[in-house]
Amino acid sequence: MVSFVVPVHLHGVVTIPARQSPVMLLRETGGERRWLAVPIAESDAEALLSAKEHVRHSRPSTVELLGRVLAEFGHQIVRVQVTDLHEDTFQARLVLDTGAEIPAHPSDAIAIGLRAGAPTEVAEAVLDVAAVQLSIIDDTARGPSEDEDEEHQIAEFRALLESAVPADFDDLPER
């Protein structure tokens, strides 16, 4: 069984300039506050951002539709889990109130989970091999406010992406 001890939240979606492809940024909500950059398809970026911003469409998106179908059948998504990194591909699943576990692409699972208000967890083993630590500043020794520190870390990450060359991403896991 995979241990899910690391709660995360979707911080946002950015595009890697060298590849012109989006990644979703997950951030550990406590502890080391590590970042996980998961490559996603361009079409998934819009679904994630709509779910994060709670945008409702006049005609439901696939993500909204799935949530409505589950609710209609009396089921709830209780959590989203990013379970593994296998052959450079992140694996995820939705966990229902019945205990059922439904495999899904991480971007789909997180978008669905956001719509359902379900927390997201990442396996410690996934963070151990794929997390990016943007700052060695200890969050408990606060200098600037948490928002300023987070903005600084985002700026560092963007600068890292902007200075990257295509070869830097040769080993980046695929979706």
Protein backbone atom coordinates (compact mmCIF):
# COMPACT_ATOMS: atom_id res chain seq x y z
CA MET A 1 0.00 0.00 0.00
CA VAL A 2 1.22 3.49 -0.87
CA SER A 3 1.66 5.93 1.99
CA PHE A 4 -0.01 9.32 1.41
CA VAL A 5 1.30 11.56 4.08
CA VAL A 6 1.85 14.70 2.03
CA PRO A 7 -1.12 17.01 1.42
CA VAL A 8 -0.67 19.40 -1.51
CA HIS A 9 -2.68 22.05 -3.32
CA LEU A 10 -2.77 23.19 -6.92
CA HIS A 11 -0.81 26.40 -6.97
CA GLY A 12 -1.24 27.06 -10.65
CA VAL A 13 -0.28 26.21 -14.20
CA VAL A 14 2.79 27.59 -15.97
CA THR A 15 4.28 27.08 -19.41
CA ILE A 16 7.87 25.94 -19.75
CA PRO A 17 9.35 28.29 -22.35
CA ALA A 18 11.85 25.78 -23.73
CA ARG A 19 9.12 23.24 -24.50
CA GLN A 20 6.09 25.52 -24.81
CA SER A 21 4.17 22.97 -22.78
CA PRO A 22 2.27 23.53 -19.55
CA VAL A 23 2.96 22.01 -16.16
CA MET A 24 0.72 22.06 -13.14
CA LEU A 25 2.45 23.16 -9.97
CA LEU A 26 1.48 21.33 -6.81
CA ARG A 27 2.78 22.64 -3.52
CA GLU A 28 3.12 20.82 -0.26
CA THR A 29 0.83 22.54 2.24
CA GLY A 30 3.07 21.99 5.24
CA GLY A 31 6.38 20.47 6.15
CA GLU A 32 9.10 21.24 3.61
CA ARG A 33 6.64 23.01 1.25
CA ARG A 34 8.15 21.27 -1.75
CA TRP A 35 6.89 21.79 -5.29
CA LEU A 36 5.91 19.14 -7.80
CA ALA A 37 5.81 20.12 -11.48
CA VAL A 38 3.63 17.70 -13.46
CA PRO A 39 3.59 18.00 -17.27
CA ILE A 40 0.06 18.30 -18.66
CA ALA A 41 -1.63 18.69 -22.02
CA GLU A 42 -2.62 22.17 -23.18
CA SER A 43 -6.31 21.24 -23.00
CA ASP A 44 -5.92 20.11 -19.37
CA ALA A 45 -4.56 23.50 -18.33
CA GLU A 46 -7.89 25.20 -18.99
CA ALA A 47 -9.85 22.54 -17.09
CA LEU A 48 -7.52 22.85 -14.10
CA LEU A 49 -7.66 26.63 -14.01
CA SER A 50 -11.47 26.63 -14.40
CA ALA A 51 -11.77 24.17 -11.53
CA LYS A 52 -9.33 26.17 -9.36
CA GLU A 53 -11.28 29.39 -10.00
CA HIS A 54 -14.66 27.61 -9.59
CA VAL A 55 -15.78 28.72 -13.06
CA ARG A 56 -19.13 27.23 -14.08
CA HIS A 57 -19.80 26.75 -17.76
CA SER A 58 -23.24 27.13 -19.35
CA ARG A 59 -22.74 23.61 -20.68
CA PRO A 60 -20.88 21.39 -18.21
CA SER A 61 -17.32 20.40 -19.01
CA THR A 62 -16.36 16.73 -18.81
CA VAL A 63 -14.95 17.36 -15.34
CA GLU A 64 -18.20 18.98 -14.16
CA LEU A 65 -20.26 16.26 -15.82
CA LEU A 66 -18.38 13.47 -14.04
CA GLY A 67 -18.91 15.21 -10.69
CA ARG A 68 -22.63 15.58 -11.39
CA VAL A 69 -22.95 11.92 -12.42
CA LEU A 70 -21.22 10.73 -9.24
CA ALA A 71 -23.43 13.00 -7.11
CA GLU A 72 -26.55 11.79 -8.89
CA PHE A 73 -25.61 8.23 -7.93
CA GLY A 74 -25.01 9.31 -4.33
CA HIS A 75 -21.21 9.13 -4.35
CA GLN A 76 -18.54 11.60 -3.31
CA ILE A 77 -14.88 11.96 -4.12
CA VAL A 78 -13.14 12.01 -0.75
CA ARG A 79 -9.58 12.56 -1.98
CA VAL A 80 -7.23 12.63 -4.94
CA GLN A 81 -3.95 10.78 -4.74
CA VAL A 82 -0.86 11.09 -6.93
CA THR A 83 0.35 7.57 -6.39
CA ASP A 84 3.41 6.85 -8.46
CA LEU A 85 5.89 7.92 -11.08
CA HIS A 86 6.30 4.99 -13.45
CA GLU A 87 8.42 5.17 -16.60
CA ASP A 88 8.40 8.99 -16.43
CA THR A 89 4.60 9.10 -16.18
CA PHE A 90 2.77 10.30 -13.09
CA GLN A 91 -0.07 8.05 -11.89
CA ALA A 92 -3.11 9.21 -9.90
CA ARG A 93 -6.48 8.04 -8.65
CA LEU A 94 -9.74 9.30 -7.28
CA VAL A 95 -10.88 7.77 -4.00
CA LEU A 96 -14.65 7.59 -3.51
CA ASP A 97 -16.65 7.48 -0.29
CA THR A 98 -17.35 3.80 -1.07
CA GLY A 99 -13.62 3.04 -0.92
CA ALA A 100 -13.47 2.57 -4.69
CA GLU A 101 -10.25 3.82 -6.28
CA ILE A 102 -10.46 5.06 -9.87
CA PRO A 103 -7.20 5.43 -11.84
CA ALA A 104 -6.91 8.76 -13.68
CA HIS A 105 -4.45 11.17 -15.26
CA PRO A 106 -3.19 13.48 -12.51
CA SER A 107 -4.55 16.60 -14.23
CA ASP A 108 -8.01 15.04 -14.64
CA ALA A 109 -8.05 13.70 -11.09
CA ILE A 110 -7.02 17.04 -9.60
CA ALA A 111 -9.52 19.04 -11.69
CA ILE A 112 -12.31 16.65 -10.64
CA GLY A 113 -11.14 16.77 -7.02
CA LEU A 114 -11.07 20.57 -7.03
CA ARG A 115 -14.66 20.67 -8.29
CA ALA A 116 -15.65 18.22 -5.54
CA GLY A 117 -13.76 20.05 -2.80
CA ALA A 118 -11.62 16.96 -2.18
CA PRO A 119 -8.09 17.21 -0.79
CA THR A 120 -5.09 16.11 -2.85
CA GLU A 121 -2.27 13.94 -1.52
CA VAL A 122 1.02 12.90 -3.05
CA ALA A 123 2.93 9.77 -2.10
CA GLU A 124 6.09 10.64 -0.22
CA ALA A 125 8.04 8.41 -2.61
CA VAL A 126 6.86 10.54 -5.57
CA LEU A 127 7.99 13.74 -3.88
CA ASP A 128 11.29 12.11 -2.95
CA VAL A 129 12.16 11.55 -6.62
CA ALA A 130 10.32 14.35 -8.42
CA ALA A 131 9.91 17.36 -6.10
CA VAL A 132 11.63 20.65 -6.76
CA GLN A 133 12.67 22.67 -3.72
CA LEU A 134 12.65 26.32 -4.70
CA SER A 135 14.12 27.79 -1.57
CA ILE A 136 16.20 26.67 1.35
CA ILE A 137 14.50 29.30 3.52
CA ASP A 138 12.85 27.68 6.52
CA ASP A 139 9.18 28.73 6.47
CA THR A 140 9.09 28.63 10.26
CA ALA A 141 11.75 31.35 10.50
CA ARG A 142 9.58 33.99 8.88
CA GLY A 143 11.17 37.13 7.64
CA PRO A 144 8.84 38.39 4.92
CA SER A 145 5.17 37.42 5.02
CA GLU A 146 4.18 33.99 3.74
CA ASP A 147 2.67 35.59 0.61
CA GLU A 148 5.89 37.51 -0.10
CA ASP A 149 7.95 34.35 0.47
CA GLU A 150 5.69 32.40 -1.86
CA GLU A 151 5.88 35.13 -4.50
CA HIS A 152 9.68 35.08 -4.19
CA GLN A 153 9.74 31.31 -4.66
CA ILE A 154 7.47 31.55 -7.69
CA ALA A 155 9.75 34.22 -9.16
CA GLU A 156 12.76 31.94 -8.56
CA PHE A 157 10.96 29.06 -10.26
CA ARG A 158 9.96 31.21 -13.26
CA ALA A 159 13.55 32.47 -13.59
CA LEU A 160 14.73 28.86 -13.53
CA LEU A 161 12.26 27.97 -16.29
CA GLU A 162 13.13 31.02 -18.39
CA SER A 163 16.85 30.27 -18.28
CA ALA A 164 16.34 26.59 -19.09
CA VAL A 165 17.40 25.04 -22.36
CA PRO A 166 15.57 22.13 -24.03
CA ALA A 167 18.17 19.60 -22.86
CA ASP A 168 17.29 20.45 -19.24
CA PHE A 169 13.92 18.78 -19.77
CA ASP A 170 15.04 15.57 -21.46
CA ASP A 171 14.45 13.60 -18.27
CA LEU A 172 11.20 15.35 -17.30
CA PRO A 173 8.42 12.79 -16.76
CA GLU A 174 5.71 12.65 -19.39
CA ARG A 175 2.05 12.99 -18.52
